[in-house]
Amino acid sequence: MNKLMGTAPRHPGLWVDLTDADIHGSQTIQTLQTVTQGESELGQLCSQLASLSQQGRWIVLISPPHIGYKHMLASAGVRMDRILLVHTKDEVETLWAMEKALTSGTSSAVITWTSSLDARDSRRLEIVAKSARALGVVIEDVNAHSPEKHQIVNPSMTNATSNFSAFH
């Protein structure tokens, strides 16, 4: 078998031709907290997204709110034919979509809007960042962290336990 292979690498992982982007593939995923649904944060990223859109890879927006992002991106010079919108049904699907977009190699940037990240989700994104091949940004709504301010309590239910004690 040695004669057939000659001096060629013997491990399939070594047969892959790596580019500079693959060698330096590890990225960080930024988490930005917002009270404006990410409008000002996206505005700060626009110039970077404009240059990334010129690479010909996707700029992925996952679950963006209705904040006028299309006009904002277009006026900053982002190629709109490179924008890929992903609408998800819940937080689990949002994080899954982000993970897949970051590691696929077809995206330049992945921006995700989410209500909140718990410790488990943050750890999952840290692990994904090790193999990410795109800029990752999580825009986290800080309003989702605040507890419910207005709880409606039915006054008749507060005395329900004492009313049951009257029935012997």
Protein backbone atom coordinates (compact mmCIF):
# COMPACT_ATOMS: atom_id res chain seq x y z
CA MET A 1 0.00 0.00 0.00
CA ASN A 2 2.90 2.34 0.66
CA LYS A 3 3.99 2.03 -2.97
CA LEU A 4 0.54 3.04 -4.23
CA MET A 5 0.29 6.16 -2.06
CA GLY A 6 3.87 7.34 -2.60
CA THR A 7 4.50 10.59 -0.73
CA ALA A 8 0.84 11.72 -0.67
CA PRO A 9 -0.61 12.53 2.73
CA ARG A 10 -2.21 9.49 4.28
CA HIS A 11 -4.90 11.20 6.33
CA PRO A 12 -8.08 12.57 4.63
CA GLY A 13 -7.99 15.66 6.85
CA LEU A 14 -4.67 16.60 5.28
CA TRP A 15 -6.04 16.38 1.74
CA VAL A 16 -8.15 19.49 2.20
CA ASP A 17 -6.73 22.68 0.75
CA LEU A 18 -7.00 25.28 3.51
CA THR A 19 -7.34 28.98 2.86
CA ASP A 20 -6.22 31.75 5.21
CA ALA A 21 -9.83 32.23 6.34
CA ASP A 22 -10.05 28.58 7.37
CA ILE A 23 -6.74 28.63 9.23
CA HIS A 24 -7.71 31.73 11.20
CA GLY A 25 -11.36 30.68 11.42
CA SER A 26 -11.90 31.20 15.10
CA GLN A 27 -14.03 34.30 15.64
CA THR A 28 -15.56 35.97 18.62
CA ILE A 29 -19.28 36.41 18.93
CA GLN A 30 -20.21 39.83 20.27
CA THR A 31 -23.23 40.20 22.52
CA LEU A 32 -24.72 43.68 22.47
CA GLN A 33 -27.46 44.66 24.87
CA THR A 34 -30.08 47.07 23.60
CA VAL A 35 -33.15 48.98 24.61
CA THR A 36 -33.85 50.18 21.04
CA GLN A 37 -34.44 46.74 19.47
CA GLY A 38 -30.92 46.92 18.05
CA GLU A 39 -31.46 49.93 15.82
CA SER A 40 -28.49 51.93 17.12
CA GLU A 41 -26.30 48.81 17.38
CA LEU A 42 -27.05 47.88 13.76
CA GLY A 43 -26.29 51.46 12.74
CA GLN A 44 -22.83 51.12 14.30
CA LEU A 45 -22.20 47.90 12.35
CA CYS A 46 -23.38 49.23 8.97
CA SER A 47 -19.98 50.33 7.61
CA GLN A 48 -18.43 46.98 8.53
CA LEU A 49 -21.37 45.13 6.97
CA ALA A 50 -20.99 47.19 3.78
CA SER A 51 -17.41 46.03 3.33
CA LEU A 52 -18.29 42.44 4.26
CA SER A 53 -21.12 42.37 1.70
CA GLN A 54 -18.58 43.07 -1.05
CA GLN A 55 -17.00 39.64 -0.40
CA GLY A 56 -19.92 37.93 -2.11
CA ARG A 57 -20.92 35.90 0.93
CA TRP A 58 -24.17 36.26 2.88
CA ILE A 59 -25.00 38.79 5.58
CA VAL A 60 -27.49 36.76 7.62
CA LEU A 61 -30.11 38.55 9.73
CA ILE A 62 -31.93 36.18 12.09
CA SER A 63 -35.28 37.32 13.51
CA PRO A 64 -34.79 41.05 12.94
CA PRO A 65 -37.48 43.34 14.38
CA HIS A 66 -39.26 45.95 12.29
CA ILE A 67 -36.79 48.79 12.82
CA GLY A 68 -36.23 49.94 9.24
CA TYR A 69 -33.06 47.88 8.83
CA LYS A 70 -33.48 47.61 5.04
CA HIS A 71 -33.22 51.35 4.49
CA MET A 72 -30.44 51.64 7.08
CA LEU A 73 -28.33 48.94 5.40
CA ALA A 74 -28.98 50.16 1.85
CA SER A 75 -28.03 53.75 2.70
CA ALA A 76 -24.77 52.48 4.25
CA GLY A 77 -23.81 50.77 0.99
CA VAL A 78 -24.57 47.16 1.94
CA ARG A 79 -25.29 45.00 -1.11
CA MET A 80 -28.94 44.07 -0.58
CA ASP A 81 -28.62 41.03 -2.84
CA ARG A 82 -26.28 39.56 -0.20
CA ILE A 83 -28.80 39.88 2.68
CA LEU A 84 -30.39 36.64 3.83
CA LEU A 85 -33.35 36.92 6.23
CA VAL A 86 -34.16 34.04 8.55
CA HIS A 87 -37.36 34.11 10.58
CA THR A 88 -37.53 31.64 13.45
CA LYS A 89 -40.36 30.52 15.69
CA ASP A 90 -38.51 30.45 19.04
CA GLU A 91 -35.19 31.02 20.80
CA VAL A 92 -34.00 27.45 20.30
CA GLU A 93 -34.45 27.72 16.54
CA THR A 94 -32.80 31.16 16.57
CA LEU A 95 -29.62 29.86 18.20
CA TRP A 96 -29.58 26.79 15.94
CA ALA A 97 -29.85 29.01 12.84
CA MET A 98 -27.04 31.22 14.13
CA GLU A 99 -24.81 28.23 14.79
CA LYS A 100 -25.36 26.83 11.30
CA ALA A 101 -24.85 30.18 9.57
CA LEU A 102 -21.63 30.90 11.49
CA THR A 103 -20.04 27.54 10.74
CA SER A 104 -21.25 27.03 7.15
CA GLY A 105 -18.54 29.09 5.46
CA THR A 106 -21.10 30.83 3.23
CA SER A 107 -21.65 33.88 5.47
CA SER A 108 -19.57 36.98 6.12
CA ALA A 109 -21.65 38.08 9.11
CA VAL A 110 -24.50 36.68 11.18
CA ILE A 111 -26.61 39.04 13.28
CA THR A 112 -29.21 37.60 15.62
CA TRP A 113 -31.89 39.34 17.64
CA THR A 114 -32.90 37.49 20.80
CA SER A 115 -34.78 38.24 23.98
CA SER A 116 -32.21 36.88 26.41
CA LEU A 117 -29.36 34.40 26.73
CA ASP A 118 -29.00 32.14 29.74
CA ALA A 119 -25.68 30.67 30.86
CA ARG A 120 -26.21 27.51 28.79
CA ASP A 121 -26.87 29.48 25.59
CA SER A 122 -23.85 31.72 26.21
CA ARG A 123 -21.63 28.66 26.67
CA ARG A 124 -23.02 27.13 23.48
CA LEU A 125 -22.10 30.28 21.55
CA GLU A 126 -18.59 30.23 23.05
CA ILE A 127 -18.13 26.72 21.66
CA VAL A 128 -19.56 27.74 18.27
CA ALA A 129 -17.16 30.71 18.16
CA LYS A 130 -14.21 28.30 18.05
CA SER A 131 -15.33 27.03 14.64
CA ALA A 132 -17.10 30.18 13.40
CA ARG A 133 -16.09 31.41 9.98
CA ALA A 134 -18.01 34.69 10.06
CA LEU A 135 -18.55 37.74 12.23
CA GLY A 136 -21.20 36.91 14.84
CA VAL A 137 -23.33 39.46 16.68
CA VAL A 138 -26.12 38.76 19.16
CA ILE A 139 -28.37 41.73 19.85
CA GLU A 140 -29.99 41.00 23.18
CA ASP A 141 -33.09 42.89 24.32
CA VAL A 142 -32.50 44.06 27.90
CA ASN A 143 -36.22 44.66 28.35
CA ALA A 144 -36.64 40.89 28.34
CA HIS A 145 -34.49 40.65 31.49
CA SER A 146 -36.72 42.85 33.61
CA PRO A 147 -39.38 41.03 35.60
CA GLU A 148 -43.03 41.64 34.90
CA LYS A 149 -43.86 44.97 36.49
CA HIS A 150 -47.61 44.71 36.40
CA GLN A 151 -49.01 41.51 37.80
CA ILE A 152 -52.75 41.24 37.97
CA VAL A 153 -53.85 39.46 41.09
CA ASN A 154 -57.43 38.34 41.40
CA PRO A 155 -58.49 39.47 44.91
CA SER A 156 -61.06 36.72 45.20
CA MET A 157 -58.33 34.09 44.69
CA THR A 158 -56.11 35.44 47.48
CA ASN A 159 -58.67 34.44 50.09
CA ALA A 160 -59.52 31.15 48.42
CA THR A 161 -57.55 29.06 50.90
CA SER A 162 -59.20 30.73 53.87
CA ASN A 163 -62.63 30.21 52.29
CA PHE A 164 -61.96 26.49 51.94
CA SER A 165 -61.16 26.19 55.62
CA ALA A 166 -64.77 27.22 56.40
CA PHE A 167 -66.07 24.00 54.76
CA HIS A 168 -65.57 21.33 57.41
